[in-house]
Amino acid sequence: MRILTVVGNRPQFVKAAPLSIALREAGIDEVVVHTGQHYDDGLSTVFFEELDLPEPAHRLDLRTADVDSIAPALRRVVDNERPDLVLVLGDTNSTLAGARAAVTAGIPLAHVEAGLRSGDLSMPEERARIEVDRLASLLLCPDERSAETLRAEGVEGRTEVVGDVMADATLRFAPIARERVPPPHAAGTYVVATVHREANVRPERLARIVAGLSRLDEPVVFPAHPRTAGVLAAEGIRLGETVELREPLGYLELASAASQARVIATDSGGLQKEAYWYGVPCITMRPSTEWVDTVETGGNVLVDDDPDAIEAALRAARFPADAPPLYGDGRAAERIAQALLA
């Protein structure tokens, strides 16, 4: 069996690592395509070195997040490779472009992280999830909630609950990260903050988020996505004295820092889950989340962009002692390989 896997941004590189291992062990021939949606070295190339991923067979180096630019380039790769199936992950523009390329080429599509919904259609990620799920032949869900969402929407593809492949990556790599990379400050004495969503890098929202982070009297380690750093500089948004603006961290660096932080403040879907698996409380600077269970269990708090709410939630953050396990047992990649073979 021959699978073409489309990756293009940071979370997809993380998910691809345990999945590539499981595919090889199952005897599945995988062809990896890197769209180049994230082209900063700290967000892309370094992943293949740190996570020991096989080099992509195709590096498109597109340096864009525009779906209409990515899809035709992917279609050419699909036409040349003629895989048995195209596999896409998550909810990015590369995900959507890969789905469209597969369908127009007449190749079955599998979607990892199918069925997630935040309920916020103003988010491009939400619109991408819905479209990709409608196009997919095989929908690989992280939990029963996601599968039920797909049943309620009447999607036509086959649905499988496999768990979350990010859990596989976290369980595999977090101990390695802590062993290799020291935390930026003494464990439990600092905050890790990340901001990259399209809505949150608009100047007025970003300024309010930064204002909330800047009120803390403990170190706030803020590795800035290139887009975020650009807006901060262009708009002259000032950071508080305790906020440490840094270059993007490699995956192992971020895993070490985040897993040993007192609290994480983010708008990243992936980091919300990682925080939960680390047992670190998370403050999500968005009005909604696709990872509803993390909020319901008390491990995650939604604060949107209100500086007062951000400050108060960060100061009060505690991870619940009775938090139940969520999103699988670290064997999602194995289940995905078996679902593909089936």
C-alpha atoms as a PDB file:
ATOM      1  CA  MET A   1       0.000   0.000   0.000  1.00  0.00           C
ATOM      2  CA  ARG A   2       1.291   3.449  -0.933  1.00  0.00           C
ATOM      3  CA  ILE A   3       0.287   6.529   1.099  1.00  0.00           C
ATOM      4  CA  LEU A   4       1.016  10.165   0.283  1.00  0.00           C
ATOM      5  CA  THR A   5       1.187  12.252   3.484  1.00  0.00           C
ATOM      6  CA  VAL A   6       0.859  16.037   3.276  1.00  0.00           C
ATOM      7  CA  VAL A   7       2.596  18.172   5.927  1.00  0.00           C
ATOM      8  CA  GLY A   8       3.134  21.894   6.005  1.00  0.00           C
ATOM      9  CA  ASN A   9       3.247  23.345   9.510  1.00  0.00           C
ATOM     10  CA  ARG A  10       4.651  22.726  12.952  1.00  0.00           C
ATOM     11  CA  PRO A  11       1.906  20.546  14.513  1.00  0.00           C
ATOM     12  CA  GLN A  12       1.808  18.358  11.416  1.00  0.00           C
ATOM     13  CA  PHE A  13       5.522  17.623  11.689  1.00  0.00           C
ATOM     14  CA  VAL A  14       4.986  16.463  15.278  1.00  0.00           C
ATOM     15  CA  LYS A  15       2.046  14.236  14.341  1.00  0.00           C
ATOM     16  CA  ALA A  16       3.932  12.823  11.357  1.00  0.00           C
ATOM     17  CA  ALA A  17       6.777  11.438  13.489  1.00  0.00           C
ATOM     18  CA  PRO A  18       5.010   8.569  15.334  1.00  0.00           C
ATOM     19  CA  LEU A  19       2.728   8.028  12.351  1.00  0.00           C
ATOM     20  CA  SER A  20       5.655   7.521   9.954  1.00  0.00           C
ATOM     21  CA  ILE A  21       7.154   4.967  12.345  1.00  0.00           C
ATOM     22  CA  ALA A  22       3.857   3.068  12.594  1.00  0.00           C
ATOM     23  CA  LEU A  23       3.363   3.086   8.829  1.00  0.00           C
ATOM     24  CA  ARG A  24       6.833   1.634   8.243  1.00  0.00           C
ATOM     25  CA  GLU A  25       6.256  -1.062  10.856  1.00  0.00           C
ATOM     26  CA  ALA A  26       2.948  -1.973   9.158  1.00  0.00           C
ATOM     27  CA  GLY A  27       4.673  -2.342   5.788  1.00  0.00           C
ATOM     28  CA  ILE A  28       3.019   0.740   4.287  1.00  0.00           C
ATOM     29  CA  ASP A  29       5.050   2.735   1.758  1.00  0.00           C
ATOM     30  CA  GLU A  30       4.810   6.418   2.743  1.00  0.00           C
ATOM     31  CA  VAL A  31       5.641   9.357   0.467  1.00  0.00           C
ATOM     32  CA  VAL A  32       5.899  12.613   2.431  1.00  0.00           C
ATOM     33  CA  VAL A  33       5.173  15.972   0.796  1.00  0.00           C
ATOM     34  CA  HIS A  34       6.233  19.181   2.583  1.00  0.00           C
ATOM     35  CA  THR A  35       4.268  22.107   1.156  1.00  0.00           C
ATOM     36  CA  GLY A  36       6.518  24.769   2.658  1.00  0.00           C
ATOM     37  CA  GLN A  37       3.563  26.551   4.305  1.00  0.00           C
ATOM     38  CA  HIS A  38       5.916  27.123   7.259  1.00  0.00           C
ATOM     39  CA  TYR A  39       9.291  27.923   5.766  1.00  0.00           C
ATOM     40  CA  ASP A  40      11.083  29.435   8.765  1.00  0.00           C
ATOM     41  CA  ASP A  41      13.863  26.991   9.698  1.00  0.00           C
ATOM     42  CA  GLY A  42      12.836  27.040  13.358  1.00  0.00           C
ATOM     43  CA  LEU A  43       9.353  25.904  12.371  1.00  0.00           C
ATOM     44  CA  SER A  44      10.072  23.360   9.669  1.00  0.00           C
ATOM     45  CA  THR A  45      13.457  21.963   8.629  1.00  0.00           C
ATOM     46  CA  VAL A  46      14.658  21.512  12.193  1.00  0.00           C
ATOM     47  CA  PHE A  47      11.753  19.143  12.812  1.00  0.00           C
ATOM     48  CA  PHE A  48      13.103  16.557  10.422  1.00  0.00           C
ATOM     49  CA  GLU A  49      16.425  16.663  12.272  1.00  0.00           C
ATOM     50  CA  GLU A  50      15.022  16.679  15.825  1.00  0.00           C
ATOM     51  CA  LEU A  51      12.298  14.089  15.341  1.00  0.00           C
ATOM     52  CA  ASP A  52      14.265  11.802  13.007  1.00  0.00           C
ATOM     53  CA  LEU A  53      11.591  12.015  10.318  1.00  0.00           C
ATOM     54  CA  PRO A  54      12.352  10.635   6.862  1.00  0.00           C
ATOM     55  CA  GLU A  55      13.249  13.413   4.482  1.00  0.00           C
ATOM     56  CA  PRO A  56      10.226  14.466   2.397  1.00  0.00           C
ATOM     57  CA  ALA A  57      10.185  12.979  -1.069  1.00  0.00           C
ATOM     58  CA  HIS A  58       8.828  16.323  -2.274  1.00  0.00           C
ATOM     59  CA  ARG A  59       9.652  19.774  -0.886  1.00  0.00           C
ATOM     60  CA  LEU A  60       7.396  22.230  -2.653  1.00  0.00           C
ATOM     61  CA  ASP A  61       8.952  25.257  -0.896  1.00  0.00           C
ATOM     62  CA  LEU A  62       5.843  27.309  -1.683  1.00  0.00           C
ATOM     63  CA  ARG A  63       6.319  29.769   1.204  1.00  0.00           C
ATOM     64  CA  THR A  64       2.633  30.578   1.308  1.00  0.00           C
ATOM     65  CA  ALA A  65      -0.493  29.634   3.209  1.00  0.00           C
ATOM     66  CA  ASP A  66      -2.758  30.352   0.230  1.00  0.00           C
ATOM     67  CA  VAL A  67      -4.885  27.279  -0.503  1.00  0.00           C
ATOM     68  CA  ASP A  68      -5.341  28.208  -4.158  1.00  0.00           C
ATOM     69  CA  SER A  69      -1.559  28.267  -4.580  1.00  0.00           C
ATOM     70  CA  ILE A  70      -0.855  25.063  -2.641  1.00  0.00           C
ATOM     71  CA  ALA A  71      -3.588  22.842  -4.136  1.00  0.00           C
ATOM     72  CA  PRO A  72      -2.409  22.859  -7.801  1.00  0.00           C
ATOM     73  CA  ALA A  73       1.170  22.070  -6.746  1.00  0.00           C
ATOM     74  CA  LEU A  74      -0.062  19.168  -4.628  1.00  0.00           C
ATOM     75  CA  ARG A  75      -2.273  17.971  -7.471  1.00  0.00           C
ATOM     76  CA  ARG A  76       0.806  17.646  -9.683  1.00  0.00           C
ATOM     77  CA  VAL A  77       2.532  15.533  -7.014  1.00  0.00           C
ATOM     78  CA  VAL A  78      -0.566  13.348  -6.602  1.00  0.00           C
ATOM     79  CA  ASP A  79      -0.809  12.845 -10.364  1.00  0.00           C
ATOM     80  CA  ASN A  80       2.864  11.835 -10.555  1.00  0.00           C
ATOM     81  CA  GLU A  81       2.850   9.526  -7.522  1.00  0.00           C
ATOM     82  CA  ARG A  82      -0.647   8.003  -7.967  1.00  0.00           C
ATOM     83  CA  PRO A  83      -0.837   6.768  -4.346  1.00  0.00           C
ATOM     84  CA  ASP A  84      -3.550   4.458  -3.075  1.00  0.00           C
ATOM     85  CA  LEU A  85      -4.583   7.146  -0.604  1.00  0.00           C
ATOM     86  CA  VAL A  86      -3.742  10.726   0.407  1.00  0.00           C
ATOM     87  CA  LEU A  87      -3.460  11.395   4.140  1.00  0.00           C
ATOM     88  CA  VAL A  88      -3.870  14.866   5.647  1.00  0.00           C
ATOM     89  CA  LEU A  89      -3.573  15.962   9.266  1.00  0.00           C
ATOM     90  CA  GLY A  90      -5.330  18.614  11.313  1.00  0.00           C
ATOM     91  CA  ASP A  91      -6.921  21.790  10.033  1.00  0.00           C
ATOM     92  CA  THR A  92      -4.375  23.958   8.217  1.00  0.00           C
ATOM     93  CA  ASN A  93      -4.424  25.400   4.719  1.00  0.00           C
ATOM     94  CA  SER A  94      -2.050  22.610   3.673  1.00  0.00           C
ATOM     95  CA  THR A  95      -4.626  20.131   5.021  1.00  0.00           C
ATOM     96  CA  LEU A  96      -7.391  21.695   2.966  1.00  0.00           C
ATOM     97  CA  ALA A  97      -5.234  21.993  -0.152  1.00  0.00           C
ATOM     98  CA  GLY A  98      -4.200  18.340   0.148  1.00  0.00           C
ATOM     99  CA  ALA A  99      -7.820  17.272   0.489  1.00  0.00           C
ATOM    100  CA  ARG A 100      -8.882  19.204  -2.588  1.00  0.00           C
ATOM    101  CA  ALA A 101      -5.934  17.883  -4.602  1.00  0.00           C
ATOM    102  CA  ALA A 102      -6.760  14.290  -3.679  1.00  0.00           C
ATOM    103  CA  VAL A 103     -10.424  14.574  -4.544  1.00  0.00           C
ATOM    104  CA  THR A 104      -9.851  16.305  -7.885  1.00  0.00           C
ATOM    105  CA  ALA A 105      -7.328  13.575  -8.763  1.00  0.00           C
ATOM    106  CA  GLY A 106      -9.820  10.856  -7.832  1.00  0.00           C
ATOM    107  CA  ILE A 107      -7.681   9.489  -4.962  1.00  0.00           C
ATOM    108  CA  PRO A 108      -9.302   8.466  -1.638  1.00  0.00           C
ATOM    109  CA  LEU A 109      -8.626  10.804   1.267  1.00  0.00           C
ATOM    110  CA  ALA A 110      -7.947  10.039   4.945  1.00  0.00           C
ATOM    111  CA  HIS A 111      -8.178  12.769   7.585  1.00  0.00           C
ATOM    112  CA  VAL A 112      -6.349  12.545  10.922  1.00  0.00           C
ATOM    113  CA  GLU A 113      -8.132  14.549  13.685  1.00  0.00           C
ATOM    114  CA  ALA A 114     -11.493  14.286  11.964  1.00  0.00           C
ATOM    115  CA  GLY A 115     -14.643  15.529  13.659  1.00  0.00           C
ATOM    116  CA  LEU A 116     -13.171  18.307  15.792  1.00  0.00           C
ATOM    117  CA  ARG A 117     -15.354  21.398  16.092  1.00  0.00           C
ATOM    118  CA  SER A 118     -14.994  24.638  18.029  1.00  0.00           C
ATOM    119  CA  GLY A 119     -18.355  26.015  16.857  1.00  0.00           C
ATOM    120  CA  ASP A 120     -16.661  29.222  15.675  1.00  0.00           C
ATOM    121  CA  LEU A 121     -17.073  29.611  11.907  1.00  0.00           C
ATOM    122  CA  SER A 122     -15.071  32.850  11.949  1.00  0.00           C
ATOM    123  CA  MET A 123     -11.963  30.659  12.325  1.00  0.00           C
ATOM    124  CA  PRO A 124     -10.502  29.498   8.992  1.00  0.00           C
ATOM    125  CA  GLU A 125      -9.444  26.302  10.768  1.00  0.00           C
ATOM    126  CA  GLU A 126     -13.065  25.495  11.590  1.00  0.00           C
ATOM    127  CA  ARG A 127     -14.166  25.949   7.991  1.00  0.00           C
ATOM    128  CA  ALA A 128     -11.250  23.788   6.836  1.00  0.00           C
ATOM    129  CA  ARG A 129     -12.194  20.973   9.251  1.00  0.00           C
ATOM    130  CA  ILE A 130     -15.760  20.884   7.994  1.00  0.00           C
ATOM    131  CA  GLU A 131     -14.796  20.826   4.315  1.00  0.00           C
ATOM    132  CA  VAL A 132     -12.061  18.211   4.724  1.00  0.00           C
ATOM    133  CA  ASP A 133     -14.358  15.909   6.696  1.00  0.00           C
ATOM    134  CA  ARG A 134     -16.973  16.116   3.962  1.00  0.00           C
ATOM    135  CA  LEU A 135     -14.373  15.122   1.359  1.00  0.00           C
ATOM    136  CA  ALA A 136     -12.682  12.295   3.291  1.00  0.00           C
ATOM    137  CA  SER A 137     -13.265   8.609   2.658  1.00  0.00           C
ATOM    138  CA  LEU A 138     -11.691   7.647   5.991  1.00  0.00           C
ATOM    139  CA  LEU A 139     -12.206   9.838   9.062  1.00  0.00           C
ATOM    140  CA  LEU A 140      -9.750   9.142  11.889  1.00  0.00           C
ATOM    141  CA  CYS A 141     -11.180  10.609  15.095  1.00  0.00           C
ATOM    142  CA  PRO A 142      -9.344  11.316  18.366  1.00  0.00           C
ATOM    143  CA  ASP A 143     -12.373  10.510  20.552  1.00  0.00           C
ATOM    144  CA  GLU A 144     -16.016   9.469  20.625  1.00  0.00           C
ATOM    145  CA  ARG A 145     -17.194  13.097  20.821  1.00  0.00           C
ATOM    146  CA  SER A 146     -15.624  13.751  17.404  1.00  0.00           C
ATOM    147  CA  ALA A 147     -17.135  10.598  15.925  1.00  0.00           C
ATOM    148  CA  GLU A 148     -20.580  11.570  17.201  1.00  0.00           C
ATOM    149  CA  THR A 149     -20.172  15.022  15.643  1.00  0.00           C
ATOM    150  CA  LEU A 150     -19.521  13.415  12.271  1.00  0.00           C
ATOM    151  CA  ARG A 151     -22.520  11.110  12.616  1.00  0.00           C
ATOM    152  CA  ALA A 152     -24.717  14.114  13.465  1.00  0.00           C
ATOM    153  CA  GLU A 153     -23.426  15.954  10.385  1.00  0.00           C
ATOM    154  CA  GLY A 154     -24.122  12.943   8.159  1.00  0.00           C
ATOM    155  CA  VAL A 155     -20.658  12.670   6.630  1.00  0.00           C
ATOM    156  CA  GLU A 156     -20.338   9.859   4.117  1.00  0.00           C
ATOM    157  CA  GLY A 157     -16.857   8.516   4.894  1.00  0.00           C
ATOM    158  CA  ARG A 158     -15.970   5.626   7.206  1.00  0.00           C
ATOM    159  CA  THR A 159     -15.356   6.780  10.780  1.00  0.00           C
ATOM    160  CA  GLU A 160     -12.762   5.213  13.104  1.00  0.00           C
ATOM    161  CA  VAL A 161     -11.956   6.307  16.683  1.00  0.00           C
ATOM    162  CA  VAL A 162      -8.189   5.863  16.971  1.00  0.00           C
ATOM    163  CA  GLY A 163      -7.080   8.283  19.694  1.00  0.00           C
ATOM    164  CA  ASP A 164      -4.836  11.292  19.229  1.00  0.00           C
ATOM    165  CA  VAL A 165      -1.513  10.854  17.456  1.00  0.00           C
ATOM    166  CA  MET A 166      -0.233  13.925  19.316  1.00  0.00           C
ATOM    167  CA  ALA A 167      -0.467  11.863  22.497  1.00  0.00           C
ATOM    168  CA  ASP A 168       1.851   9.324  20.874  1.00  0.00           C
ATOM    169  CA  ALA A 169       4.355  12.086  20.098  1.00  0.00           C
ATOM    170  CA  THR A 170       4.116  13.643  23.552  1.00  0.00           C
ATOM    171  CA  LEU A 171       4.645  10.364  25.379  1.00  0.00           C
ATOM    172  CA  ARG A 172       7.578   9.513  23.115  1.00  0.00           C
ATOM    173  CA  PHE A 173       9.382  12.847  22.997  1.00  0.00           C
ATOM    174  CA  ALA A 174       8.650  14.783  26.216  1.00  0.00           C
ATOM    175  CA  PRO A 175      10.999  12.674  28.395  1.00  0.00           C
ATOM    176  CA  ILE A 176      13.717  13.019  25.734  1.00  0.00           C
ATOM    177  CA  ALA A 177      13.168  16.782  25.638  1.00  0.00           C
ATOM    178  CA  ARG A 178      13.512  17.165  29.409  1.00  0.00           C
ATOM    179  CA  GLU A 179      16.651  15.053  29.413  1.00  0.00           C
ATOM    180  CA  ARG A 180      18.354  16.940  26.579  1.00  0.00           C
ATOM    181  CA  VAL A 181      17.198  20.535  27.076  1.00  0.00           C
ATOM    182  CA  PRO A 182      17.226  22.420  30.396  1.00  0.00           C
ATOM    183  CA  PRO A 183      14.185  24.630  31.099  1.00  0.00           C
ATOM    184  CA  PRO A 184      14.583  28.402  30.568  1.00  0.00           C
ATOM    185  CA  HIS A 185      14.140  29.008  34.320  1.00  0.00           C
ATOM    186  CA  ALA A 186      13.756  26.797  37.376  1.00  0.00           C
ATOM    187  CA  ALA A 187      10.893  24.357  36.845  1.00  0.00           C
ATOM    188  CA  GLY A 188       7.519  25.702  37.956  1.00  0.00           C
ATOM    189  CA  THR A 189       8.638  29.351  38.184  1.00  0.00           C
ATOM    190  CA  TYR A 190       7.691  30.708  34.768  1.00  0.00           C
ATOM    191  CA  VAL A 191       4.951  30.974  32.135  1.00  0.00           C
ATOM    192  CA  VAL A 192       5.219  29.804  28.524  1.00  0.00           C
ATOM    193  CA  ALA A 193       3.144  31.882  26.082  1.00  0.00           C
ATOM    194  CA  THR A 194       2.521  31.321  22.374  1.00  0.00           C
ATOM    195  CA  VAL A 195       0.339  33.400  20.028  1.00  0.00           C
ATOM    196  CA  HIS A 196      -0.008  32.712  16.325  1.00  0.00           C
ATOM    197  CA  ARG A 197      -3.675  32.419  15.256  1.00  0.00           C
ATOM    198  CA  GLU A 198      -4.757  34.743  12.465  1.00  0.00           C
ATOM    199  CA  ALA A 199      -7.329  36.497  14.647  1.00  0.00           C
ATOM    200  CA  ASN A 200      -4.880  37.015  17.502  1.00  0.00           C
ATOM    201  CA  VAL A 201      -2.148  38.662  15.452  1.00  0.00           C
ATOM    202  CA  ARG A 202      -4.456  41.497  14.472  1.00  0.00           C
ATOM    203  CA  PRO A 203      -2.921  44.524  16.198  1.00  0.00           C
ATOM    204  CA  GLU A 204      -5.790  45.348  18.550  1.00  0.00           C
ATOM    205  CA  ARG A 205      -6.182  41.784  19.833  1.00  0.00           C
ATOM    206  CA  LEU A 206      -2.456  41.156  20.076  1.00  0.00           C
ATOM    207  CA  ALA A 207      -2.008  44.365  22.083  1.00  0.00           C
ATOM    208  CA  ARG A 208      -4.675  43.261  24.574  1.00  0.00           C
ATOM    209  CA  ILE A 209      -3.175  39.785  24.933  1.00  0.00           C
ATOM    210  CA  VAL A 210       0.300  41.229  25.499  1.00  0.00           C
ATOM    211  CA  ALA A 211      -1.129  43.646  28.064  1.00  0.00           C
ATOM    212  CA  GLY A 212      -2.486  40.729  30.069  1.00  0.00           C
ATOM    213  CA  LEU A 213       0.773  38.781  29.869  1.00  0.00           C
ATOM    214  CA  SER A 214       2.765  41.859  30.844  1.00  0.00           C
ATOM    215  CA  ARG A 215       1.047  42.226  34.209  1.00  0.00           C
ATOM    216  CA  LEU A 216       2.711  39.164  35.695  1.00  0.00           C
ATOM    217  CA  ASP A 217       5.673  39.412  38.050  1.00  0.00           C
ATOM    218  CA  GLU A 218       7.223  36.100  36.976  1.00  0.00           C
ATOM    219  CA  PRO A 219       9.102  35.332  33.738  1.00  0.00           C
ATOM    220  CA  VAL A 220       6.892  34.899  30.678  1.00  0.00           C
ATOM    221  CA  VAL A 221       8.823  32.983  28.017  1.00  0.00           C
ATOM    222  CA  PHE A 222       7.303  34.122  24.713  1.00  0.00           C
ATOM    223  CA  PRO A 223       8.742  32.322  21.638  1.00  0.00           C
ATOM    224  CA  ALA A 224       7.221  34.358  18.831  1.00  0.00           C
ATOM    225  CA  HIS A 225       5.959  32.969  15.546  1.00  0.00           C
ATOM    226  CA  PRO A 226       7.491  35.090  12.724  1.00  0.00           C
ATOM    227  CA  ARG A 227       4.077  36.575  11.919  1.00  0.00           C
ATOM    228  CA  THR A 228       3.536  37.532  15.555  1.00  0.00           C
ATOM    229  CA  ALA A 229       6.987  39.081  15.895  1.00  0.00           C
ATOM    230  CA  GLY A 230       6.363  41.080  12.722  1.00  0.00           C
ATOM    231  CA  VAL A 231       3.148  42.607  14.053  1.00  0.00           C
ATOM    232  CA  LEU A 232       4.719  43.412  17.428  1.00  0.00           C
ATOM    233  CA  ALA A 233       7.541  45.282  15.686  1.00  0.00           C
ATOM    234  CA  ALA A 234       5.406  46.993  13.041  1.00  0.00           C
ATOM    235  CA  GLU A 235       2.810  48.214  15.540  1.00  0.00           C
ATOM    236  CA  GLY A 236       5.263  49.122  18.283  1.00  0.00           C
ATOM    237  CA  ILE A 237       3.452  46.922  20.808  1.00  0.00           C
ATOM    238  CA  ARG A 238       5.478  47.087  24.015  1.00  0.00           C
ATOM    239  CA  LEU A 239       6.118  44.090  26.222  1.00  0.00           C
ATOM    240  CA  GLY A 240       6.283  44.187  29.998  1.00  0.00           C
ATOM    241  CA  GLU A 241       9.630  43.774  31.734  1.00  0.00           C
ATOM    242  CA  THR A 242       8.943  40.146  32.636  1.00  0.00           C
ATOM    243  CA  VAL A 243       7.972  39.099  29.086  1.00  0.00           C
ATOM    244  CA  GLU A 244      10.925  37.486  27.292  1.00  0.00           C
ATOM    245  CA  LEU A 245      10.448  37.651  23.521  1.00  0.00           C
ATOM    246  CA  ARG A 246      12.387  34.805  21.906  1.00  0.00           C
ATOM    247  CA  GLU A 247      12.959  33.270  18.515  1.00  0.00           C
ATOM    248  CA  PRO A 248      10.770  30.222  17.710  1.00  0.00           C
ATOM    249  CA  LEU A 249      11.891  27.239  19.743  1.00  0.00           C
ATOM    250  CA  GLY A 250      12.659  23.850  18.269  1.00  0.00           C
ATOM    251  CA  TYR A 251      10.188  21.138  19.195  1.00  0.00           C
ATOM    252  CA  LEU A 252      12.353  19.584  21.899  1.00  0.00           C
ATOM    253  CA  GLU A 253      13.147  23.017  23.367  1.00  0.00           C
ATOM    254  CA  LEU A 254       9.464  23.918  23.514  1.00  0.00           C
ATOM    255  CA  ALA A 255       8.482  20.533  24.919  1.00  0.00           C
ATOM    256  CA  SER A 256      11.055  20.901  27.690  1.00  0.00           C
ATOM    257  CA  ALA A 257      10.010  24.479  28.493  1.00  0.00           C
ATOM    258  CA  ALA A 258       6.256  23.841  28.342  1.00  0.00           C
ATOM    259  CA  SER A 259       6.286  20.603  30.319  1.00  0.00           C
ATOM    260  CA  GLN A 260       8.145  22.282  33.185  1.00  0.00           C
ATOM    261  CA  ALA A 261       6.257  25.604  33.197  1.00  0.00           C
ATOM    262  CA  ARG A 262       3.942  26.674  36.011  1.00  0.00           C
ATOM    263  CA  VAL A 263       1.261  27.503  33.444  1.00  0.00           C
ATOM    264  CA  ILE A 264       0.911  27.747  29.655  1.00  0.00           C
ATOM    265  CA  ALA A 265      -0.884  30.616  27.875  1.00  0.00           C
ATOM    266  CA  THR A 266      -1.623  29.888  24.239  1.00  0.00           C
ATOM    267  CA  ASP A 267      -3.966  30.007  21.264  1.00  0.00           C
ATOM    268  CA  SER A 268      -2.562  26.762  19.846  1.00  0.00           C
ATOM    269  CA  GLY A 269      -4.841  23.757  19.647  1.00  0.00           C
ATOM    270  CA  GLY A 270      -1.926  21.352  19.910  1.00  0.00           C
ATOM    271  CA  LEU A 271      -0.367  23.026  22.929  1.00  0.00           C
ATOM    272  CA  GLN A 272      -3.699  22.927  24.790  1.00  0.00           C
ATOM    273  CA  LYS A 273      -3.598  19.146  24.591  1.00  0.00           C
ATOM    274  CA  GLU A 274       0.103  18.897  25.337  1.00  0.00           C
ATOM    275  CA  ALA A 275      -0.394  21.008  28.456  1.00  0.00           C
ATOM    276  CA  TYR A 276      -3.051  18.558  29.599  1.00  0.00           C
ATOM    277  CA  TRP A 277      -0.796  15.552  29.024  1.00  0.00           C
ATOM    278  CA  TYR A 278       2.044  17.350  30.837  1.00  0.00           C
ATOM    279  CA  GLY A 279      -0.229  18.064  33.803  1.00  0.00           C
ATOM    280  CA  VAL A 280       0.377  21.813  33.373  1.00  0.00           C
ATOM    281  CA  PRO A 281      -2.636  24.177  33.578  1.00  0.00           C
ATOM    282  CA  CYS A 282      -3.480  25.951  30.329  1.00  0.00           C
ATOM    283  CA  ILE A 283      -5.008  29.371  29.670  1.00  0.00           C
ATOM    284  CA  THR A 284      -6.389  29.592  26.135  1.00  0.00           C
ATOM    285  CA  MET A 285      -6.547  33.066  24.643  1.00  0.00           C
ATOM    286  CA  ARG A 286      -9.445  32.347  22.297  1.00  0.00           C
ATOM    287  CA  PRO A 287     -13.236  32.556  22.682  1.00  0.00           C
ATOM    288  CA  SER A 288     -13.650  28.847  21.861  1.00  0.00           C
ATOM    289  CA  THR A 289     -11.749  25.593  21.567  1.00  0.00           C
ATOM    290  CA  GLU A 290     -12.080  22.356  19.642  1.00  0.00           C
ATOM    291  CA  TRP A 291     -10.659  20.519  22.684  1.00  0.00           C
ATOM    292  CA  VAL A 292     -13.764  20.961  24.813  1.00  0.00           C
ATOM    293  CA  ASP A 293     -12.911  18.133  27.216  1.00  0.00           C
ATOM    294  CA  THR A 294      -9.824  19.949  28.510  1.00  0.00           C
ATOM    295  CA  VAL A 295     -12.070  22.823  29.615  1.00  0.00           C
ATOM    296  CA  GLU A 296     -14.762  20.588  31.089  1.00  0.00           C
ATOM    297  CA  THR A 297     -12.204  18.771  33.243  1.00  0.00           C
ATOM    298  CA  GLY A 298     -10.711  22.049  34.526  1.00  0.00           C
ATOM    299  CA  GLY A 299      -7.292  21.672  32.937  1.00  0.00           C
ATOM    300  CA  ASN A 300      -7.907  24.526  30.500  1.00  0.00           C
ATOM    301  CA  VAL A 301      -9.575  27.935  30.877  1.00  0.00           C
ATOM    302  CA  LEU A 302     -10.885  30.101  28.004  1.00  0.00           C
ATOM    303  CA  VAL A 303     -10.182  33.823  28.469  1.00  0.00           C
ATOM    304  CA  ASP A 304     -10.303  35.294  24.937  1.00  0.00           C
ATOM    305  CA  ASP A 305      -8.296  38.566  24.678  1.00  0.00           C
ATOM    306  CA  ASP A 306      -9.411  40.289  27.906  1.00  0.00           C
ATOM    307  CA  PRO A 307      -6.262  41.503  29.730  1.00  0.00           C
ATOM    308  CA  ASP A 308      -7.961  41.313  33.140  1.00  0.00           C
ATOM    309  CA  ALA A 309      -9.169  37.758  32.510  1.00  0.00           C
ATOM    310  CA  ILE A 310      -5.761  36.682  31.193  1.00  0.00           C
ATOM    311  CA  GLU A 311      -3.986  38.049  34.259  1.00  0.00           C
ATOM    312  CA  ALA A 312      -6.477  36.608  36.739  1.00  0.00           C
ATOM    313  CA  ALA A 313      -6.544  33.172  35.118  1.00  0.00           C
ATOM    314  CA  LEU A 314      -2.754  32.953  34.929  1.00  0.00           C
ATOM    315  CA  ARG A 315      -2.355  33.905  38.580  1.00  0.00           C
ATOM    316  CA  ALA A 316      -4.996  31.404  39.726  1.00  0.00           C
ATOM    317  CA  ALA A 317      -4.033  28.533  37.401  1.00  0.00           C
ATOM    318  CA  ARG A 318      -3.951  25.081  38.985  1.00  0.00           C
ATOM    319  CA  PHE A 319      -4.100  21.689  37.305  1.00  0.00           C
ATOM    320  CA  PRO A 320      -6.882  19.509  38.774  1.00  0.00           C
ATOM    321  CA  ALA A 321      -5.628  16.633  40.869  1.00  0.00           C
ATOM    322  CA  ASP A 322      -8.432  14.368  39.628  1.00  0.00           C
ATOM    323  CA  ALA A 323      -8.077  15.108  35.896  1.00  0.00           C
ATOM    324  CA  PRO A 324      -9.026  11.992  33.893  1.00  0.00           C
ATOM    325  CA  PRO A 325      -6.942  10.738  30.940  1.00  0.00           C
ATOM    326  CA  LEU A 326      -8.004  12.223  27.605  1.00  0.00           C
ATOM    327  CA  TYR A 327      -7.509  11.463  23.919  1.00  0.00           C
ATOM    328  CA  GLY A 328      -6.031   8.016  23.876  1.00  0.00           C
ATOM    329  CA  ASP A 329      -3.281   5.830  25.230  1.00  0.00           C
ATOM    330  CA  GLY A 330      -0.355   6.645  22.968  1.00  0.00           C
ATOM    331  CA  ARG A 331      -1.166   3.987  20.357  1.00  0.00           C
ATOM    332  CA  ALA A 332      -3.137   6.095  17.882  1.00  0.00           C
ATOM    333  CA  ALA A 333      -0.511   5.790  15.146  1.00  0.00           C
ATOM    334  CA  GLU A 334      -0.738   1.980  15.260  1.00  0.00           C
ATOM    335  CA  ARG A 335      -4.527   2.140  14.970  1.00  0.00           C
ATOM    336  CA  ILE A 336      -4.299   4.573  12.065  1.00  0.00           C
ATOM    337  CA  ALA A 337      -1.967   2.213  10.195  1.00  0.00           C
ATOM    338  CA  GLN A 338      -4.378  -0.679  10.697  1.00  0.00           C
ATOM    339  CA  ALA A 339      -7.356   1.474   9.617  1.00  0.00           C
ATOM    340  CA  LEU A 340      -5.501   2.400   6.442  1.00  0.00           C
ATOM    341  CA  LEU A 341      -4.753  -1.235   5.659  1.00  0.00           C
ATOM    342  CA  ALA A 342      -8.411  -2.107   6.226  1.00  0.00           C
END
